[in-house]
Amino acid sequence: MSAYFMVTLHTPPMQPKGSYLPQLDGSTLVTSFSQHEAWDRGSGWKSWLNNLRLVLLPWVSSNLLTPWLKVFPIPELEQGFQTLIALMNLFRGVPKAALHNISSA
C-alpha cells in the first residue's frame, strides 16, 4: 500500500495544476531519463511505478555492491555510482525528503 501511495503522489493527476508537467515538458533532464531502453513512456500508474523503479535502481545496486567494494576496492566504480545517484536525485518524481535521505546515505 505504501508503494501505491508513493507512486500515486507523483503521477500527473495528483500534482497541483501547472506545477509538474509544464516544468518537465521539453526538459533536457527528462529527455535523458526517457532515453533508457526500459523507460515506460505510458501515462498510467504502472508506467510511473516502472520508471520510479528505474530511477531507484542505481541506489539499490550501489547498496548491494558496497560490501564487495569494501573487499575489492574499485574507486572508479564507487565514484561512478555516486555520480549516477546524484543524477537520479535530479528526477522530479522523487520526493524532496527522499532526496535528502538518499544523498546522505
PDB file of N, CA and C in Angstrom:
ATOM      1  N   MET A   1       0.816  -1.184   0.000  1.00  0.00           N
ATOM      2  CA  MET A   1       0.000   0.000   0.000  1.00  0.00           C
ATOM      3  C   MET A   1       0.865   1.257   0.000  1.00  0.00           C
ATOM      4  N   SER A   2       1.998   1.258   0.682  1.00  0.00           N
ATOM      5  CA  SER A   2       2.836   2.450   0.709  1.00  0.00           C
ATOM      6  C   SER A   2       3.451   2.725  -0.664  1.00  0.00           C
ATOM      7  N   ALA A   3       3.787   1.684  -1.424  1.00  0.00           N
ATOM      8  CA  ALA A   3       4.313   1.890  -2.773  1.00  0.00           C
ATOM      9  C   ALA A   3       3.239   2.524  -3.649  1.00  0.00           C
ATOM     10  N   TYR A   4       2.018   2.054  -3.519  1.00  0.00           N
ATOM     11  CA  TYR A   4       0.906   2.630  -4.281  1.00  0.00           C
ATOM     12  C   TYR A   4       0.764   4.112  -3.955  1.00  0.00           C
ATOM     13  N   PHE A   5       0.805   4.451  -2.666  1.00  0.00           N
ATOM     14  CA  PHE A   5       0.667   5.841  -2.231  1.00  0.00           C
ATOM     15  C   PHE A   5       1.806   6.694  -2.776  1.00  0.00           C
ATOM     16  N   MET A   6       3.046   6.200  -2.689  1.00  0.00           N
ATOM     17  CA  MET A   6       4.198   6.947  -3.167  1.00  0.00           C
ATOM     18  C   MET A   6       4.091   7.232  -4.666  1.00  0.00           C
ATOM     19  N   VAL A   7       3.759   6.217  -5.428  1.00  0.00           N
ATOM     20  CA  VAL A   7       3.664   6.397  -6.875  1.00  0.00           C
ATOM     21  C   VAL A   7       2.504   7.317  -7.218  1.00  0.00           C
ATOM     22  N   THR A   8       1.371   7.144  -6.551  1.00  0.00           N
ATOM     23  CA  THR A   8       0.200   7.960  -6.830  1.00  0.00           C
ATOM     24  C   THR A   8       0.489   9.440  -6.603  1.00  0.00           C
ATOM     25  N   LEU A   9       1.250   9.753  -5.572  1.00  0.00           N
ATOM     26  CA  LEU A   9       1.575  11.157  -5.296  1.00  0.00           C
ATOM     27  C   LEU A   9       2.408  11.795  -6.401  1.00  0.00           C
ATOM     28  N   HIS A  10       3.065  10.983  -7.208  1.00  0.00           N
ATOM     29  CA  HIS A  10       3.943  11.521  -8.245  1.00  0.00           C
ATOM     30  C   HIS A  10       3.386  11.400  -9.648  1.00  0.00           C
ATOM     31  N   THR A  11       2.144  10.973  -9.763  1.00  0.00           N
ATOM     32  CA  THR A  11       1.526  10.911 -11.077  1.00  0.00           C
ATOM     33  C   THR A  11       0.939  12.282 -11.403  1.00  0.00           C
ATOM     34  N   PRO A  12       0.880  12.645 -12.665  1.00  0.00           N
ATOM     35  CA  PRO A  12       0.391  13.979 -13.045  1.00  0.00           C
ATOM     36  C   PRO A  12      -0.969  14.363 -12.453  1.00  0.00           C
ATOM     37  N   PRO A  13      -1.955  13.464 -12.358  1.00  0.00           N
ATOM     38  CA  PRO A  13      -3.242  13.902 -11.798  1.00  0.00           C
ATOM     39  C   PRO A  13      -3.159  14.363 -10.338  1.00  0.00           C
ATOM     40  N   MET A  14      -2.160  13.918  -9.597  1.00  0.00           N
ATOM     41  CA  MET A  14      -2.041  14.282  -8.188  1.00  0.00           C
ATOM     42  C   MET A  14      -1.202  15.540  -7.976  1.00  0.00           C
ATOM     43  N   GLN A  15      -0.586  16.053  -9.025  1.00  0.00           N
ATOM     44  CA  GLN A  15       0.235  17.250  -8.895  1.00  0.00           C
ATOM     45  C   GLN A  15      -0.652  18.489  -9.006  1.00  0.00           C
ATOM     46  N   PRO A  16      -0.325  19.562  -8.255  1.00  0.00           N
ATOM     47  CA  PRO A  16      -1.079  20.799  -8.398  1.00  0.00           C
ATOM     48  C   PRO A  16      -1.005  21.288  -9.837  1.00  0.00           C
ATOM     49  N   LYS A  17      -2.083  21.877 -10.319  1.00  0.00           N
ATOM     50  CA  LYS A  17      -2.110  22.338 -11.705  1.00  0.00           C
ATOM     51  C   LYS A  17      -0.968  23.299 -11.973  1.00  0.00           C
ATOM     52  N   GLY A  18      -0.307  23.063 -13.081  1.00  0.00           N
ATOM     53  CA  GLY A  18       0.770  23.937 -13.504  1.00  0.00           C
ATOM     54  C   GLY A  18       2.091  23.717 -12.786  1.00  0.00           C
ATOM     55  N   SER A  19       2.172  22.766 -11.875  1.00  0.00           N
ATOM     56  CA  SER A  19       3.416  22.634 -11.119  1.00  0.00           C
ATOM     57  C   SER A  19       4.279  21.469 -11.574  1.00  0.00           C
ATOM     58  N   TYR A  20       3.748  20.564 -12.342  1.00  0.00           N
ATOM     59  CA  TYR A  20       4.540  19.381 -12.660  1.00  0.00           C
ATOM     60  C   TYR A  20       4.832  19.252 -14.144  1.00  0.00           C
ATOM     61  N   LEU A  21       3.817  19.018 -14.934  1.00  0.00           N
ATOM     62  CA  LEU A  21       4.054  18.734 -16.340  1.00  0.00           C
ATOM     63  C   LEU A  21       4.685  19.886 -17.122  1.00  0.00           C
ATOM     64  N   PRO A  22       4.231  21.150 -16.941  1.00  0.00           N
ATOM     65  CA  PRO A  22       4.863  22.199 -17.734  1.00  0.00           C
ATOM     66  C   PRO A  22       6.358  22.326 -17.462  1.00  0.00           C
ATOM     67  N   GLN A  23       6.803  22.100 -16.239  1.00  0.00           N
ATOM     68  CA  GLN A  23       8.220  22.200 -15.925  1.00  0.00           C
ATOM     69  C   GLN A  23       9.003  21.047 -16.549  1.00  0.00           C
ATOM     70  N   LEU A  24       8.336  19.941 -16.781  1.00  0.00           N
ATOM     71  CA  LEU A  24       9.034  18.772 -17.299  1.00  0.00           C
ATOM     72  C   LEU A  24       9.059  18.722 -18.817  1.00  0.00           C
ATOM     73  N   ASP A  25       8.044  19.272 -19.486  1.00  0.00           N
ATOM     74  CA  ASP A  25       7.978  19.174 -20.931  1.00  0.00           C
ATOM     75  C   ASP A  25       9.203  19.801 -21.578  1.00  0.00           C
ATOM     76  N   GLY A  26       9.847  19.043 -22.461  1.00  0.00           N
ATOM     77  CA  GLY A  26      10.991  19.548 -23.191  1.00  0.00           C
ATOM     78  C   GLY A  26      12.263  19.669 -22.369  1.00  0.00           C
ATOM     79  N   SER A  27      12.223  19.274 -21.131  1.00  0.00           N
ATOM     80  CA  SER A  27      13.402  19.375 -20.271  1.00  0.00           C
ATOM     81  C   SER A  27      14.486  18.423 -20.760  1.00  0.00           C
ATOM     82  N   THR A  28      15.723  18.891 -20.765  1.00  0.00           N
ATOM     83  CA  THR A  28      16.851  18.052 -21.159  1.00  0.00           C
ATOM     84  C   THR A  28      16.985  16.865 -20.219  1.00  0.00           C
ATOM     85  N   LEU A  29      16.775  17.113 -18.932  1.00  0.00           N
ATOM     86  CA  LEU A  29      16.906  16.045 -17.949  1.00  0.00           C
ATOM     87  C   LEU A  29      15.870  14.950 -18.181  1.00  0.00           C
ATOM     88  N   VAL A  30      14.612  15.330 -18.395  1.00  0.00           N
ATOM     89  CA  VAL A  30      13.569  14.338 -18.628  1.00  0.00           C
ATOM     90  C   VAL A  30      13.841  13.586 -19.922  1.00  0.00           C
ATOM     91  N   THR A  31      14.314  14.291 -20.922  1.00  0.00           N
ATOM     92  CA  THR A  31      14.664  13.635 -22.181  1.00  0.00           C
ATOM     93  C   THR A  31      15.752  12.599 -21.946  1.00  0.00           C
ATOM     94  N   SER A  32      16.714  12.941 -21.100  1.00  0.00           N
ATOM     95  CA  SER A  32      17.793  11.993 -20.799  1.00  0.00           C
ATOM     96  C   SER A  32      17.260  10.759 -20.086  1.00  0.00           C
ATOM     97  N   PHE A  33      16.398  10.949 -19.099  1.00  0.00           N
ATOM     98  CA  PHE A  33      15.822   9.797 -18.396  1.00  0.00           C
ATOM     99  C   PHE A  33      15.067   8.898 -19.374  1.00  0.00           C
ATOM    100  N   SER A  34      14.303   9.509 -20.266  1.00  0.00           N
ATOM    101  CA  SER A  34      13.464   8.719 -21.165  1.00  0.00           C
ATOM    102  C   SER A  34      14.258   7.989 -22.245  1.00  0.00           C
ATOM    103  N   GLN A  35      15.563   8.234 -22.335  1.00  0.00           N
ATOM    104  CA  GLN A  35      16.383   7.527 -23.309  1.00  0.00           C
ATOM    105  C   GLN A  35      16.770   6.123 -22.837  1.00  0.00           C
ATOM    106  N   HIS A  36      16.538   5.826 -21.561  1.00  0.00           N
ATOM    107  CA  HIS A  36      16.841   4.478 -21.056  1.00  0.00           C
ATOM    108  C   HIS A  36      15.958   3.477 -21.801  1.00  0.00           C
ATOM    109  N   GLU A  37      16.537   2.366 -22.199  1.00  0.00           N
ATOM    110  CA  GLU A  37      15.795   1.397 -23.020  1.00  0.00           C
ATOM    111  C   GLU A  37      14.576   0.807 -22.313  1.00  0.00           C
ATOM    112  N   ALA A  38      14.560   0.803 -20.995  1.00  0.00           N
ATOM    113  CA  ALA A  38      13.423   0.245 -20.262  1.00  0.00           C
ATOM    114  C   ALA A  38      12.433   1.323 -19.798  1.00  0.00           C
ATOM    115  N   TRP A  39      12.656   2.593 -20.158  1.00  0.00           N
ATOM    116  CA  TRP A  39      11.770   3.681 -19.740  1.00  0.00           C
ATOM    117  C   TRP A  39      10.378   3.451 -20.321  1.00  0.00           C
ATOM    118  N   ASP A  40       9.375   3.552 -19.485  1.00  0.00           N
ATOM    119  CA  ASP A  40       7.986   3.343 -19.899  1.00  0.00           C
ATOM    120  C   ASP A  40       7.364   4.699 -20.210  1.00  0.00           C
ATOM    121  N   ARG A  41       7.024   4.922 -21.468  1.00  0.00           N
ATOM    122  CA  ARG A  41       6.507   6.213 -21.903  1.00  0.00           C
ATOM    123  C   ARG A  41       4.997   6.363 -21.712  1.00  0.00           C
ATOM    124  N   GLY A  42       4.380   5.371 -21.110  1.00  0.00           N
ATOM    125  CA  GLY A  42       2.942   5.449 -20.863  1.00  0.00           C
ATOM    126  C   GLY A  42       2.613   6.507 -19.825  1.00  0.00           C
ATOM    127  N   SER A  43       1.326   6.788 -19.665  1.00  0.00           N
ATOM    128  CA  SER A  43       0.916   7.833 -18.722  1.00  0.00           C
ATOM    129  C   SER A  43       0.158   7.260 -17.529  1.00  0.00           C
ATOM    130  N   GLY A  44       0.086   5.960 -17.428  1.00  0.00           N
ATOM    131  CA  GLY A  44      -0.655   5.343 -16.335  1.00  0.00           C
ATOM    132  C   GLY A  44       0.182   5.122 -15.090  1.00  0.00           C
ATOM    133  N   TRP A  45      -0.486   4.667 -14.056  1.00  0.00           N
ATOM    134  CA  TRP A  45       0.143   4.430 -12.762  1.00  0.00           C
ATOM    135  C   TRP A  45       1.269   3.411 -12.879  1.00  0.00           C
ATOM    136  N   LYS A  46       1.032   2.344 -13.622  1.00  0.00           N
ATOM    137  CA  LYS A  46       2.033   1.285 -13.786  1.00  0.00           C
ATOM    138  C   LYS A  46       3.291   1.827 -14.470  1.00  0.00           C
ATOM    139  N   SER A  47       3.128   2.721 -15.415  1.00  0.00           N
ATOM    140  CA  SER A  47       4.273   3.340 -16.088  1.00  0.00           C
ATOM    141  C   SER A  47       5.098   4.145 -15.100  1.00  0.00           C
ATOM    142  N   TRP A  48       4.426   4.908 -14.240  1.00  0.00           N
ATOM    143  CA  TRP A  48       5.135   5.698 -13.230  1.00  0.00           C
ATOM    144  C   TRP A  48       5.877   4.793 -12.255  1.00  0.00           C
ATOM    145  N   LEU A  49       5.245   3.693 -11.872  1.00  0.00           N
ATOM    146  CA  LEU A  49       5.895   2.741 -10.962  1.00  0.00           C
ATOM    147  C   LEU A  49       7.155   2.177 -11.605  1.00  0.00           C
ATOM    148  N   ASN A  50       7.046   1.744 -12.837  1.00  0.00           N
ATOM    149  CA  ASN A  50       8.207   1.181 -13.537  1.00  0.00           C
ATOM    150  C   ASN A  50       9.335   2.203 -13.660  1.00  0.00           C
ATOM    151  N   ASN A  51       8.990   3.444 -13.949  1.00  0.00           N
ATOM    152  CA  ASN A  51      10.011   4.478 -14.101  1.00  0.00           C
ATOM    153  C   ASN A  51      10.657   4.836 -12.763  1.00  0.00           C
ATOM    154  N   LEU A  52       9.879   4.874 -11.695  1.00  0.00           N
ATOM    155  CA  LEU A  52      10.461   5.125 -10.377  1.00  0.00           C
ATOM    156  C   LEU A  52      11.404   3.992  -9.980  1.00  0.00           C
ATOM    157  N   ARG A  53      11.052   2.772 -10.346  1.00  0.00           N
ATOM    158  CA  ARG A  53      11.954   1.645 -10.092  1.00  0.00           C
ATOM    159  C   ARG A  53      13.277   1.838 -10.819  1.00  0.00           C
ATOM    160  N   LEU A  54      13.206   2.290 -12.063  1.00  0.00           N
ATOM    161  CA  LEU A  54      14.430   2.530 -12.838  1.00  0.00           C
ATOM    162  C   LEU A  54      15.287   3.608 -12.199  1.00  0.00           C
ATOM    163  N   VAL A  55      14.646   4.663 -11.715  1.00  0.00           N
ATOM    164  CA  VAL A  55      15.384   5.765 -11.111  1.00  0.00           C
ATOM    165  C   VAL A  55      16.055   5.315  -9.815  1.00  0.00           C
ATOM    166  N   LEU A  56      15.415   4.435  -9.063  1.00  0.00           N
ATOM    167  CA  LEU A  56      15.973   3.956  -7.801  1.00  0.00           C
ATOM    168  C   LEU A  56      17.020   2.852  -7.989  1.00  0.00           C
ATOM    169  N   LEU A  57      17.078   2.251  -9.150  1.00  0.00           N
ATOM    170  CA  LEU A  57      17.958   1.116  -9.389  1.00  0.00           C
ATOM    171  C   LEU A  57      19.444   1.396  -9.118  1.00  0.00           C
ATOM    172  N   PRO A  58      19.997   2.543  -9.516  1.00  0.00           N
ATOM    173  CA  PRO A  58      21.420   2.784  -9.200  1.00  0.00           C
ATOM    174  C   PRO A  58      21.691   2.801  -7.699  1.00  0.00           C
ATOM    175  N   TRP A  59      20.801   3.384  -6.919  1.00  0.00           N
ATOM    176  CA  TRP A  59      20.985   3.432  -5.466  1.00  0.00           C
ATOM    177  C   TRP A  59      20.922   2.031  -4.867  1.00  0.00           C
ATOM    178  N   VAL A  60      19.953   1.243  -5.308  1.00  0.00           N
ATOM    179  CA  VAL A  60      19.807  -0.131  -4.822  1.00  0.00           C
ATOM    180  C   VAL A  60      21.044  -0.942  -5.216  1.00  0.00           C
ATOM    181  N   SER A  61      21.460  -0.817  -6.455  1.00  0.00           N
ATOM    182  CA  SER A  61      22.635  -1.566  -6.930  1.00  0.00           C
ATOM    183  C   SER A  61      23.887  -1.183  -6.159  1.00  0.00           C
ATOM    184  N   SER A  62      24.048   0.105  -5.905  1.00  0.00           N
ATOM    185  CA  SER A  62      25.200   0.564  -5.137  1.00  0.00           C
ATOM    186  C   SER A  62      25.212  -0.054  -3.743  1.00  0.00           C
ATOM    187  N   ASN A  63      24.057  -0.085  -3.102  1.00  0.00           N
ATOM    188  CA  ASN A  63      23.976  -0.669  -1.762  1.00  0.00           C
ATOM    189  C   ASN A  63      24.254  -2.173  -1.771  1.00  0.00           C
ATOM    190  N   LEU A  64      23.864  -2.843  -2.824  1.00  0.00           N
ATOM    191  CA  LEU A  64      24.133  -4.274  -2.919  1.00  0.00           C
ATOM    192  C   LEU A  64      25.615  -4.552  -3.149  1.00  0.00           C
ATOM    193  N   LEU A  65      26.294  -3.669  -3.866  1.00  0.00           N
ATOM    194  CA  LEU A  65      27.707  -3.881  -4.186  1.00  0.00           C
ATOM    195  C   LEU A  65      28.673  -3.315  -3.147  1.00  0.00           C
ATOM    196  N   THR A  66      28.201  -2.431  -2.280  1.00  0.00           N
ATOM    197  CA  THR A  66      29.084  -1.799  -1.291  1.00  0.00           C
ATOM    198  C   THR A  66      29.882  -2.807  -0.466  1.00  0.00           C
ATOM    199  N   PRO A  67      29.291  -3.902   0.033  1.00  0.00           N
ATOM    200  CA  PRO A  67      30.113  -4.858   0.788  1.00  0.00           C
ATOM    201  C   PRO A  67      31.254  -5.442  -0.044  1.00  0.00           C
ATOM    202  N   TRP A  68      31.011  -5.684  -1.319  1.00  0.00           N
ATOM    203  CA  TRP A  68      32.073  -6.216  -2.177  1.00  0.00           C
ATOM    204  C   TRP A  68      33.121  -5.167  -2.484  1.00  0.00           C
ATOM    205  N   LEU A  69      32.697  -3.916  -2.572  1.00  0.00           N
ATOM    206  CA  LEU A  69      33.662  -2.850  -2.841  1.00  0.00           C
ATOM    207  C   LEU A  69      34.550  -2.570  -1.635  1.00  0.00           C
ATOM    208  N   LYS A  70      34.119  -3.021  -0.460  1.00  0.00           N
ATOM    209  CA  LYS A  70      34.986  -2.938   0.724  1.00  0.00           C
ATOM    210  C   LYS A  70      36.051  -4.031   0.681  1.00  0.00           C
ATOM    211  N   VAL A  71      35.700  -5.165   0.102  1.00  0.00           N
ATOM    212  CA  VAL A  71      36.649  -6.283  -0.035  1.00  0.00           C
ATOM    213  C   VAL A  71      37.599  -6.032  -1.204  1.00  0.00           C
ATOM    214  N   PHE A  72      37.027  -5.597  -2.330  1.00  0.00           N
ATOM    215  CA  PHE A  72      37.798  -5.320  -3.544  1.00  0.00           C
ATOM    216  C   PHE A  72      37.553  -3.865  -3.956  1.00  0.00           C
ATOM    217  N   PRO A  73      38.266  -2.936  -3.380  1.00  0.00           N
ATOM    218  CA  PRO A  73      38.034  -1.513  -3.675  1.00  0.00           C
ATOM    219  C   PRO A  73      38.252  -1.180  -5.155  1.00  0.00           C
ATOM    220  N   ILE A  74      37.274  -0.518  -5.732  1.00  0.00           N
ATOM    221  CA  ILE A  74      37.370  -0.009  -7.100  1.00  0.00           C
ATOM    222  C   ILE A  74      36.882   1.444  -7.042  1.00  0.00           C
ATOM    223  N   PRO A  75      37.787   2.375  -6.774  1.00  0.00           N
ATOM    224  CA  PRO A  75      37.383   3.771  -6.583  1.00  0.00           C
ATOM    225  C   PRO A  75      36.596   4.350  -7.761  1.00  0.00           C
ATOM    226  N   GLU A  76      36.956   3.954  -8.983  1.00  0.00           N
ATOM    227  CA  GLU A  76      36.253   4.468 -10.158  1.00  0.00           C
ATOM    228  C   GLU A  76      34.788   4.026 -10.160  1.00  0.00           C
ATOM    229  N   LEU A  77      34.540   2.786  -9.743  1.00  0.00           N
ATOM    230  CA  LEU A  77      33.169   2.285  -9.694  1.00  0.00           C
ATOM    231  C   LEU A  77      32.372   3.004  -8.618  1.00  0.00           C
ATOM    232  N   GLU A  78      32.999   3.193  -7.456  1.00  0.00           N
ATOM    233  CA  GLU A  78      32.330   3.915  -6.370  1.00  0.00           C
ATOM    234  C   GLU A  78      31.999   5.339  -6.796  1.00  0.00           C
ATOM    235  N   GLN A  79      32.939   6.007  -7.448  1.00  0.00           N
ATOM    236  CA  GLN A  79      32.703   7.374  -7.925  1.00  0.00           C
ATOM    237  C   GLN A  79      31.615   7.386  -8.996  1.00  0.00           C
ATOM    238  N   GLY A  80      31.640   6.391  -9.870  1.00  0.00           N
ATOM    239  CA  GLY A  80      30.613   6.295 -10.904  1.00  0.00           C
ATOM    240  C   GLY A  80      29.215   6.148 -10.309  1.00  0.00           C
ATOM    241  N   PHE A  81      29.090   5.316  -9.287  1.00  0.00           N
ATOM    242  CA  PHE A  81      27.796   5.166  -8.622  1.00  0.00           C
ATOM    243  C   PHE A  81      27.373   6.479  -7.978  1.00  0.00           C
ATOM    244  N   GLN A  82      28.301   7.176  -7.333  1.00  0.00           N
ATOM    245  CA  GLN A  82      27.959   8.450  -6.695  1.00  0.00           C
ATOM    246  C   GLN A  82      27.460   9.460  -7.720  1.00  0.00           C
ATOM    247  N   THR A  83      28.120   9.508  -8.866  1.00  0.00           N
ATOM    248  CA  THR A  83      27.714  10.422  -9.932  1.00  0.00           C
ATOM    249  C   THR A  83      26.342  10.048 -10.472  1.00  0.00           C
ATOM    250  N   LEU A  84      26.133   8.761 -10.732  1.00  0.00           N
ATOM    251  CA  LEU A  84      24.858   8.297 -11.260  1.00  0.00           C
ATOM    252  C   LEU A  84      23.725   8.545 -10.272  1.00  0.00           C
ATOM    253  N   ILE A  85      23.957   8.287  -8.999  1.00  0.00           N
ATOM    254  CA  ILE A  85      22.931   8.520  -7.980  1.00  0.00           C
ATOM    255  C   ILE A  85      22.618  10.013  -7.883  1.00  0.00           C
ATOM    256  N   ALA A  86      23.620  10.859  -7.992  1.00  0.00           N
ATOM    257  CA  ALA A  86      23.379  12.312  -7.969  1.00  0.00           C
ATOM    258  C   ALA A  86      22.488  12.723  -9.135  1.00  0.00           C
ATOM    259  N   LEU A  87      22.696  12.136 -10.303  1.00  0.00           N
ATOM    260  CA  LEU A  87      21.832  12.427 -11.456  1.00  0.00           C
ATOM    261  C   LEU A  87      20.417  11.914 -11.225  1.00  0.00           C
ATOM    262  N   MET A  88      20.287  10.728 -10.655  1.00  0.00           N
ATOM    263  CA  MET A  88      18.960  10.180 -10.382  1.00  0.00           C
ATOM    264  C   MET A  88      18.205  11.056  -9.371  1.00  0.00           C
ATOM    265  N   ASN A  89      18.950  11.673  -8.455  1.00  0.00           N
ATOM    266  CA  ASN A  89      18.327  12.546  -7.457  1.00  0.00           C
ATOM    267  C   ASN A  89      17.716  13.794  -8.085  1.00  0.00           C
ATOM    268  N   LEU A  90      18.083  14.096  -9.316  1.00  0.00           N
ATOM    269  CA  LEU A  90      17.512  15.241 -10.010  1.00  0.00           C
ATOM    270  C   LEU A  90      16.155  14.927 -10.620  1.00  0.00           C
ATOM    271  N   PHE A  91      15.770  13.667 -10.632  1.00  0.00           N
ATOM    272  CA  PHE A  91      14.480  13.272 -11.192  1.00  0.00           C
ATOM    273  C   PHE A  91      13.363  13.936 -10.404  1.00  0.00           C
ATOM    274  N   ARG A  92      12.476  14.632 -11.075  1.00  0.00           N
ATOM    275  CA  ARG A  92      11.435  15.419 -10.417  1.00  0.00           C
ATOM    276  C   ARG A  92      10.389  14.563  -9.716  1.00  0.00           C
ATOM    277  N   GLY A  93      10.332  13.281 -10.006  1.00  0.00           N
ATOM    278  CA  GLY A  93       9.346  12.421  -9.371  1.00  0.00           C
ATOM    279  C   GLY A  93       9.755  11.947  -7.990  1.00  0.00           C
ATOM    280  N   VAL A  94      10.996  12.220  -7.584  1.00  0.00           N
ATOM    281  CA  VAL A  94      11.471  11.764  -6.285  1.00  0.00           C
ATOM    282  C   VAL A  94      11.116  12.823  -5.241  1.00  0.00           C
ATOM    283  N   PRO A  95      10.423  12.438  -4.165  1.00  0.00           N
ATOM    284  CA  PRO A  95      10.065  13.419  -3.145  1.00  0.00           C
ATOM    285  C   PRO A  95      11.307  14.064  -2.536  1.00  0.00           C
ATOM    286  N   LYS A  96      11.204  15.344  -2.164  1.00  0.00           N
ATOM    287  CA  LYS A  96      12.362  16.063  -1.614  1.00  0.00           C
ATOM    288  C   LYS A  96      12.903  15.393  -0.354  1.00  0.00           C
ATOM    289  N   ALA A  97      12.052  14.846   0.479  1.00  0.00           N
ATOM    290  CA  ALA A  97      12.518  14.165   1.695  1.00  0.00           C
ATOM    291  C   ALA A  97      13.349  12.943   1.323  1.00  0.00           C
ATOM    292  N   ALA A  98      12.948  12.219   0.300  1.00  0.00           N
ATOM    293  CA  ALA A  98      13.691  11.036  -0.131  1.00  0.00           C
ATOM    294  C   ALA A  98      15.047  11.453  -0.699  1.00  0.00           C
ATOM    295  N   LEU A  99      15.093  12.594  -1.405  1.00  0.00           N
ATOM    296  CA  LEU A  99      16.366  13.071  -1.929  1.00  0.00           C
ATOM    297  C   LEU A  99      17.355  13.303  -0.814  1.00  0.00           C
ATOM    298  N   HIS A 100      16.890  13.899   0.265  1.00  0.00           N
ATOM    299  CA  HIS A 100      17.765  14.166   1.403  1.00  0.00           C
ATOM    300  C   HIS A 100      18.260  12.860   2.019  1.00  0.00           C
ATOM    301  N   ASN A 101      17.350  11.895   2.194  1.00  0.00           N
ATOM    302  CA  ASN A 101      17.728  10.616   2.795  1.00  0.00           C
ATOM    303  C   ASN A 101      18.677   9.831   1.903  1.00  0.00           C
ATOM    304  N   ILE A 102      18.443   9.844   0.601  1.00  0.00           N
ATOM    305  CA  ILE A 102      19.283   9.086  -0.329  1.00  0.00           C
ATOM    306  C   ILE A 102      20.671   9.713  -0.413  1.00  0.00           C
ATOM    307  N   SER A 103      20.725  11.034  -0.507  1.00  0.00           N
ATOM    308  CA  SER A 103      22.035  11.668  -0.674  1.00  0.00           C
ATOM    309  C   SER A 103      22.874  11.596   0.589  1.00  0.00           C
ATOM    310  N   SER A 104      22.233  11.426   1.757  1.00  0.00           N
ATOM    311  CA  SER A 104      23.011  11.330   2.991  1.00  0.00           C
ATOM    312  C   SER A 104      23.350   9.893   3.357  1.00  0.00           C
ATOM    313  N   ALA A 105      22.853   8.940   2.546  1.00  0.00           N
ATOM    314  CA  ALA A 105      23.115   7.517   2.832  1.00  0.00           C
ATOM    315  C   ALA A 105      24.523   7.129   2.436  1.00  0.00           C
TER     316      ALA A 105
END
